[in-house]
Amino acid sequence: MPQSDTFRRRFLLAAPLAALLAGFAAYGYLHADPPEPLPAAATVTEPRAKYAARIIDGRVAIYRADARYPMEVTDIEVSSLPRADQEALAEGIDLIDEEAIAHLLEDYS
């Protein structure tokens, strides 16, 4: 029976120590600094594009977002534009509003 007395003594010494450590851990968890809120700019979503500029038959065309057919096909030949603009048009250029369309067409004219 001496073995069980030794076990009992160790257990009686270890149990309060374990409870103390658990208490410190819980205190630290409950009183930890809250995470910093996101900056206001990070919560603002970008405006969704209403239009897109693409190429159709070698010319610049303006589409409504997710439309299958263009709402306007311009007389601007894509081949007359710089290579970077041609590649951007091939991917499609998102345009937020009519003002963005006007600026794009003015730049390409």
N, C-alpha and C. Protein backbone atom coordinates (compact mmCIF):
# COMPACT_ATOMS: atom_id res chain seq x y z
N MET A 1 0.79 -1.20 0.00
CA MET A 1 0.00 0.00 0.00
C MET A 1 0.84 1.28 0.00
N PRO A 2 2.12 1.23 0.25
CA PRO A 2 2.89 2.46 0.21
C PRO A 2 2.86 3.11 -1.17
N GLN A 3 2.73 2.31 -2.22
CA GLN A 3 2.68 2.89 -3.56
C GLN A 3 1.45 3.76 -3.74
N SER A 4 0.31 3.33 -3.27
CA SER A 4 -0.90 4.11 -3.44
C SER A 4 -0.86 5.38 -2.62
N ASP A 5 -0.19 5.38 -1.46
CA ASP A 5 -0.04 6.60 -0.67
C ASP A 5 0.82 7.62 -1.42
N THR A 6 1.87 7.14 -2.06
CA THR A 6 2.73 8.04 -2.83
C THR A 6 1.95 8.65 -3.99
N PHE A 7 1.19 7.84 -4.66
CA PHE A 7 0.37 8.33 -5.79
C PHE A 7 -0.63 9.37 -5.30
N ARG A 8 -1.27 9.09 -4.19
CA ARG A 8 -2.29 9.98 -3.64
C ARG A 8 -1.65 11.32 -3.27
N ARG A 9 -0.49 11.32 -2.66
CA ARG A 9 0.19 12.54 -2.27
C ARG A 9 0.58 13.37 -3.52
N ARG A 10 1.12 12.69 -4.52
CA ARG A 10 1.49 13.41 -5.75
C ARG A 10 0.27 14.01 -6.43
N PHE A 11 -0.81 13.24 -6.43
CA PHE A 11 -2.04 13.72 -7.05
C PHE A 11 -2.57 14.93 -6.29
N LEU A 12 -2.56 14.87 -4.98
CA LEU A 12 -3.07 15.97 -4.16
C LEU A 12 -2.20 17.22 -4.31
N LEU A 13 -0.93 17.06 -4.62
CA LEU A 13 -0.06 18.21 -4.87
C LEU A 13 -0.21 18.75 -6.30
N ALA A 14 -0.41 17.84 -7.23
CA ALA A 14 -0.48 18.24 -8.64
C ALA A 14 -1.83 18.84 -9.00
N ALA A 15 -2.92 18.38 -8.39
CA ALA A 15 -4.25 18.86 -8.75
C ALA A 15 -4.40 20.37 -8.53
N PRO A 16 -4.01 20.91 -7.38
CA PRO A 16 -4.14 22.37 -7.22
C PRO A 16 -3.25 23.15 -8.18
N LEU A 17 -2.07 22.62 -8.47
CA LEU A 17 -1.18 23.28 -9.41
C LEU A 17 -1.81 23.32 -10.81
N ALA A 18 -2.42 22.22 -11.23
CA ALA A 18 -3.09 22.17 -12.53
C ALA A 18 -4.26 23.14 -12.57
N ALA A 19 -5.02 23.23 -11.48
CA ALA A 19 -6.15 24.15 -11.42
C ALA A 19 -5.67 25.60 -11.49
N LEU A 20 -4.56 25.89 -10.82
CA LEU A 20 -4.00 27.23 -10.85
C LEU A 20 -3.56 27.62 -12.26
N LEU A 21 -2.88 26.71 -12.94
CA LEU A 21 -2.44 26.97 -14.31
C LEU A 21 -3.63 27.16 -15.24
N ALA A 22 -4.67 26.34 -15.08
CA ALA A 22 -5.87 26.48 -15.90
C ALA A 22 -6.53 27.84 -15.65
N GLY A 23 -6.53 28.29 -14.40
CA GLY A 23 -7.10 29.59 -14.07
C GLY A 23 -6.33 30.72 -14.73
N PHE A 24 -5.00 30.65 -14.70
CA PHE A 24 -4.20 31.67 -15.36
C PHE A 24 -4.46 31.69 -16.87
N ALA A 25 -4.57 30.52 -17.46
CA ALA A 25 -4.84 30.45 -18.90
C ALA A 25 -6.19 31.06 -19.23
N ALA A 26 -7.21 30.75 -18.43
CA ALA A 26 -8.55 31.30 -18.67
C ALA A 26 -8.54 32.82 -18.49
N TYR A 27 -7.85 33.30 -17.47
CA TYR A 27 -7.76 34.75 -17.24
C TYR A 27 -7.10 35.44 -18.43
N GLY A 28 -6.01 34.86 -18.91
CA GLY A 28 -5.32 35.44 -20.06
C GLY A 28 -6.20 35.45 -21.29
N TYR A 29 -6.99 34.41 -21.50
CA TYR A 29 -7.88 34.34 -22.66
C TYR A 29 -8.99 35.39 -22.56
N LEU A 30 -9.57 35.51 -21.35
CA LEU A 30 -10.69 36.44 -21.18
C LEU A 30 -10.26 37.90 -21.18
N HIS A 31 -9.04 38.17 -20.74
CA HIS A 31 -8.59 39.55 -20.64
C HIS A 31 -7.57 39.93 -21.71
N ALA A 32 -7.49 39.16 -22.75
CA ALA A 32 -6.58 39.49 -23.85
C ALA A 32 -7.12 40.70 -24.59
N ASP A 33 -6.23 41.47 -25.18
CA ASP A 33 -6.65 42.64 -25.95
C ASP A 33 -7.47 42.18 -27.15
N PRO A 34 -8.58 42.86 -27.43
CA PRO A 34 -9.38 42.49 -28.60
C PRO A 34 -8.61 42.82 -29.87
N PRO A 35 -8.89 42.11 -30.95
CA PRO A 35 -8.18 42.42 -32.19
C PRO A 35 -8.54 43.82 -32.66
N GLU A 36 -7.59 44.45 -33.34
CA GLU A 36 -7.83 45.80 -33.84
C GLU A 36 -8.86 45.76 -34.96
N PRO A 37 -9.77 46.72 -34.98
CA PRO A 37 -10.75 46.74 -36.07
C PRO A 37 -10.06 47.08 -37.38
N LEU A 38 -10.67 46.65 -38.47
CA LEU A 38 -10.13 46.98 -39.79
C LEU A 38 -10.28 48.47 -40.04
N PRO A 39 -9.33 49.05 -40.76
CA PRO A 39 -9.50 50.47 -41.11
C PRO A 39 -10.74 50.65 -41.97
N ALA A 40 -11.32 51.83 -41.87
CA ALA A 40 -12.56 52.11 -42.60
C ALA A 40 -12.40 51.88 -44.09
N ALA A 41 -11.24 52.19 -44.63
CA ALA A 41 -11.01 52.03 -46.07
C ALA A 41 -11.05 50.56 -46.47
N ALA A 42 -10.66 49.66 -45.59
CA ALA A 42 -10.64 48.25 -45.92
C ALA A 42 -12.04 47.66 -45.99
N THR A 43 -13.00 48.28 -45.31
CA THR A 43 -14.35 47.76 -45.33
C THR A 43 -15.16 48.27 -46.51
N VAL A 44 -14.67 49.30 -47.18
CA VAL A 44 -15.38 49.85 -48.33
C VAL A 44 -15.13 48.96 -49.54
N THR A 45 -16.19 48.55 -50.18
CA THR A 45 -16.03 47.74 -51.37
C THR A 45 -15.90 48.63 -52.59
N GLU A 46 -15.18 48.15 -53.55
CA GLU A 46 -15.00 48.92 -54.78
C GLU A 46 -16.32 48.95 -55.54
N PRO A 47 -16.61 50.06 -56.22
CA PRO A 47 -17.83 50.10 -57.02
C PRO A 47 -17.79 49.05 -58.12
N ARG A 48 -18.88 48.46 -58.36
CA ARG A 48 -18.95 47.42 -59.37
C ARG A 48 -19.07 48.05 -60.76
N ALA A 49 -18.33 47.49 -61.69
CA ALA A 49 -18.33 48.02 -63.06
C ALA A 49 -19.69 47.77 -63.71
N LYS A 50 -20.21 48.81 -64.33
CA LYS A 50 -21.48 48.69 -65.05
C LYS A 50 -21.26 48.39 -66.53
N TYR A 51 -20.05 48.70 -67.00
CA TYR A 51 -19.75 48.57 -68.42
C TYR A 51 -18.38 47.92 -68.61
N ALA A 52 -18.11 47.53 -69.85
CA ALA A 52 -16.80 46.99 -70.19
C ALA A 52 -16.49 47.37 -71.63
N ALA A 53 -15.21 47.63 -71.88
CA ALA A 53 -14.75 47.91 -73.24
C ALA A 53 -14.03 46.66 -73.73
N ARG A 54 -14.37 46.23 -74.94
CA ARG A 54 -13.77 45.03 -75.54
C ARG A 54 -13.58 45.26 -77.03
N ILE A 55 -13.05 44.24 -77.66
CA ILE A 55 -12.82 44.31 -79.11
C ILE A 55 -13.91 43.51 -79.82
N ILE A 56 -14.44 44.13 -80.89
CA ILE A 56 -15.35 43.40 -81.77
C ILE A 56 -15.03 43.84 -83.20
N ASP A 57 -14.76 42.89 -84.05
CA ASP A 57 -14.43 43.15 -85.46
C ASP A 57 -13.29 44.17 -85.60
N GLY A 58 -12.31 44.11 -84.72
CA GLY A 58 -11.15 44.99 -84.81
C GLY A 58 -11.39 46.40 -84.31
N ARG A 59 -12.56 46.65 -83.72
CA ARG A 59 -12.87 47.99 -83.22
C ARG A 59 -13.21 47.92 -81.73
N VAL A 60 -13.14 49.08 -81.09
CA VAL A 60 -13.48 49.17 -79.66
C VAL A 60 -14.99 49.17 -79.52
N ALA A 61 -15.48 48.30 -78.65
CA ALA A 61 -16.92 48.21 -78.40
C ALA A 61 -17.18 48.36 -76.90
N ILE A 62 -18.32 48.94 -76.58
CA ILE A 62 -18.73 49.12 -75.19
C ILE A 62 -19.92 48.21 -74.92
N TYR A 63 -19.78 47.44 -73.84
CA TYR A 63 -20.82 46.50 -73.43
C TYR A 63 -21.36 46.90 -72.06
N ARG A 64 -22.62 46.62 -71.83
CA ARG A 64 -23.12 46.67 -70.45
C ARG A 64 -22.55 45.45 -69.74
N ALA A 65 -22.39 45.55 -68.43
CA ALA A 65 -21.82 44.44 -67.66
C ALA A 65 -22.62 43.17 -67.91
N ASP A 66 -21.91 42.11 -68.20
CA ASP A 66 -22.50 40.78 -68.42
C ASP A 66 -23.44 40.71 -69.61
N ALA A 67 -23.38 41.71 -70.51
CA ALA A 67 -24.23 41.67 -71.71
C ALA A 67 -23.54 40.85 -72.79
N ARG A 68 -24.32 40.23 -73.60
CA ARG A 68 -23.78 39.40 -74.68
C ARG A 68 -23.44 40.22 -75.92
N TYR A 69 -24.22 41.27 -76.14
CA TYR A 69 -24.04 42.10 -77.33
C TYR A 69 -23.64 43.52 -76.93
N PRO A 70 -22.84 44.19 -77.77
CA PRO A 70 -22.40 45.55 -77.41
C PRO A 70 -23.54 46.55 -77.50
N MET A 71 -23.45 47.56 -76.65
CA MET A 71 -24.43 48.64 -76.74
C MET A 71 -23.95 49.71 -77.70
N GLU A 72 -22.61 49.71 -77.98
CA GLU A 72 -22.04 50.67 -78.92
C GLU A 72 -20.76 50.10 -79.50
N VAL A 73 -20.64 50.20 -80.81
CA VAL A 73 -19.39 49.83 -81.48
C VAL A 73 -18.83 51.12 -82.07
N THR A 74 -17.62 51.47 -81.64
CA THR A 74 -17.02 52.74 -82.08
C THR A 74 -16.30 52.57 -83.42
N ASP A 75 -15.83 53.68 -83.94
CA ASP A 75 -15.04 53.65 -85.17
C ASP A 75 -13.54 53.56 -84.86
N ILE A 76 -13.19 53.38 -83.62
CA ILE A 76 -11.78 53.35 -83.22
C ILE A 76 -11.20 51.97 -83.55
N GLU A 77 -10.22 51.96 -84.44
CA GLU A 77 -9.56 50.71 -84.83
C GLU A 77 -8.57 50.31 -83.74
N VAL A 78 -8.68 49.08 -83.27
CA VAL A 78 -7.81 48.59 -82.20
C VAL A 78 -6.35 48.56 -82.68
N SER A 79 -6.14 48.29 -83.95
CA SER A 79 -4.77 48.21 -84.48
C SER A 79 -4.04 49.55 -84.40
N SER A 80 -4.77 50.66 -84.27
CA SER A 80 -4.14 51.98 -84.17
C SER A 80 -3.71 52.31 -82.74
N LEU A 81 -4.07 51.46 -81.79
CA LEU A 81 -3.75 51.72 -80.38
C LEU A 81 -2.42 51.08 -79.99
N PRO A 82 -1.80 51.57 -78.93
CA PRO A 82 -0.57 50.95 -78.44
C PRO A 82 -0.82 49.49 -78.01
N ARG A 83 0.22 48.69 -78.06
CA ARG A 83 0.13 47.25 -77.76
C ARG A 83 -0.49 46.98 -76.39
N ALA A 84 -0.10 47.77 -75.38
CA ALA A 84 -0.64 47.56 -74.03
C ALA A 84 -2.15 47.76 -74.00
N ASP A 85 -2.64 48.77 -74.74
CA ASP A 85 -4.08 49.02 -74.80
C ASP A 85 -4.79 47.90 -75.55
N GLN A 86 -4.17 47.40 -76.61
CA GLN A 86 -4.76 46.29 -77.36
C GLN A 86 -4.91 45.06 -76.46
N GLU A 87 -3.87 44.78 -75.67
CA GLU A 87 -3.93 43.61 -74.77
C GLU A 87 -4.98 43.81 -73.68
N ALA A 88 -5.08 45.02 -73.15
CA ALA A 88 -6.09 45.30 -72.13
C ALA A 88 -7.50 45.13 -72.69
N LEU A 89 -7.71 45.62 -73.91
CA LEU A 89 -9.03 45.47 -74.53
C LEU A 89 -9.34 44.01 -74.83
N ALA A 90 -8.33 43.25 -75.18
CA ALA A 90 -8.55 41.82 -75.44
C ALA A 90 -9.04 41.11 -74.17
N GLU A 91 -8.54 41.55 -73.01
CA GLU A 91 -9.00 41.00 -71.72
C GLU A 91 -10.34 41.59 -71.31
N GLY A 92 -10.58 42.82 -71.73
CA GLY A 92 -11.78 43.55 -71.32
C GLY A 92 -11.42 44.56 -70.26
N ILE A 93 -11.83 45.80 -70.44
CA ILE A 93 -11.56 46.87 -69.50
C ILE A 93 -12.86 47.22 -68.80
N ASP A 94 -12.90 47.04 -67.47
CA ASP A 94 -14.10 47.38 -66.70
C ASP A 94 -14.23 48.89 -66.56
N LEU A 95 -15.45 49.38 -66.74
CA LEU A 95 -15.74 50.80 -66.65
C LEU A 95 -16.89 50.99 -65.67
N ILE A 96 -16.71 51.90 -64.73
CA ILE A 96 -17.70 52.06 -63.66
C ILE A 96 -18.95 52.78 -64.11
N ASP A 97 -18.78 53.83 -64.91
CA ASP A 97 -19.95 54.63 -65.30
C ASP A 97 -19.73 55.26 -66.67
N GLU A 98 -20.69 56.09 -67.08
CA GLU A 98 -20.63 56.72 -68.39
C GLU A 98 -19.43 57.67 -68.49
N GLU A 99 -19.07 58.29 -67.39
CA GLU A 99 -17.92 59.19 -67.39
C GLU A 99 -16.64 58.42 -67.71
N ALA A 100 -16.51 57.21 -67.16
CA ALA A 100 -15.34 56.38 -67.44
C ALA A 100 -15.32 55.98 -68.91
N ILE A 101 -16.49 55.73 -69.48
CA ILE A 101 -16.56 55.41 -70.92
C ILE A 101 -16.07 56.61 -71.72
N ALA A 102 -16.56 57.80 -71.37
CA ALA A 102 -16.17 59.02 -72.10
C ALA A 102 -14.66 59.24 -72.03
N HIS A 103 -14.08 59.05 -70.86
CA HIS A 103 -12.61 59.23 -70.71
C HIS A 103 -11.85 58.22 -71.56
N LEU A 104 -12.29 56.97 -71.53
CA LEU A 104 -11.60 55.93 -72.31
C LEU A 104 -11.65 56.25 -73.81
N LEU A 105 -12.83 56.58 -74.30
CA LEU A 105 -12.99 56.86 -75.72
C LEU A 105 -12.22 58.12 -76.12
N GLU A 106 -12.18 59.10 -75.23
CA GLU A 106 -11.40 60.31 -75.49
C GLU A 106 -9.91 59.98 -75.57
N ASP A 107 -9.43 59.13 -74.70
CA ASP A 107 -8.02 58.74 -74.72
C ASP A 107 -7.68 57.98 -76.01
N TYR A 108 -8.59 57.19 -76.50
CA TYR A 108 -8.33 56.37 -77.69
C TYR A 108 -8.56 57.13 -79.00
N SER A 109 -9.22 58.28 -78.94
CA SER A 109 -9.49 59.04 -80.17
C SER A 109 -8.32 59.86 -80.60
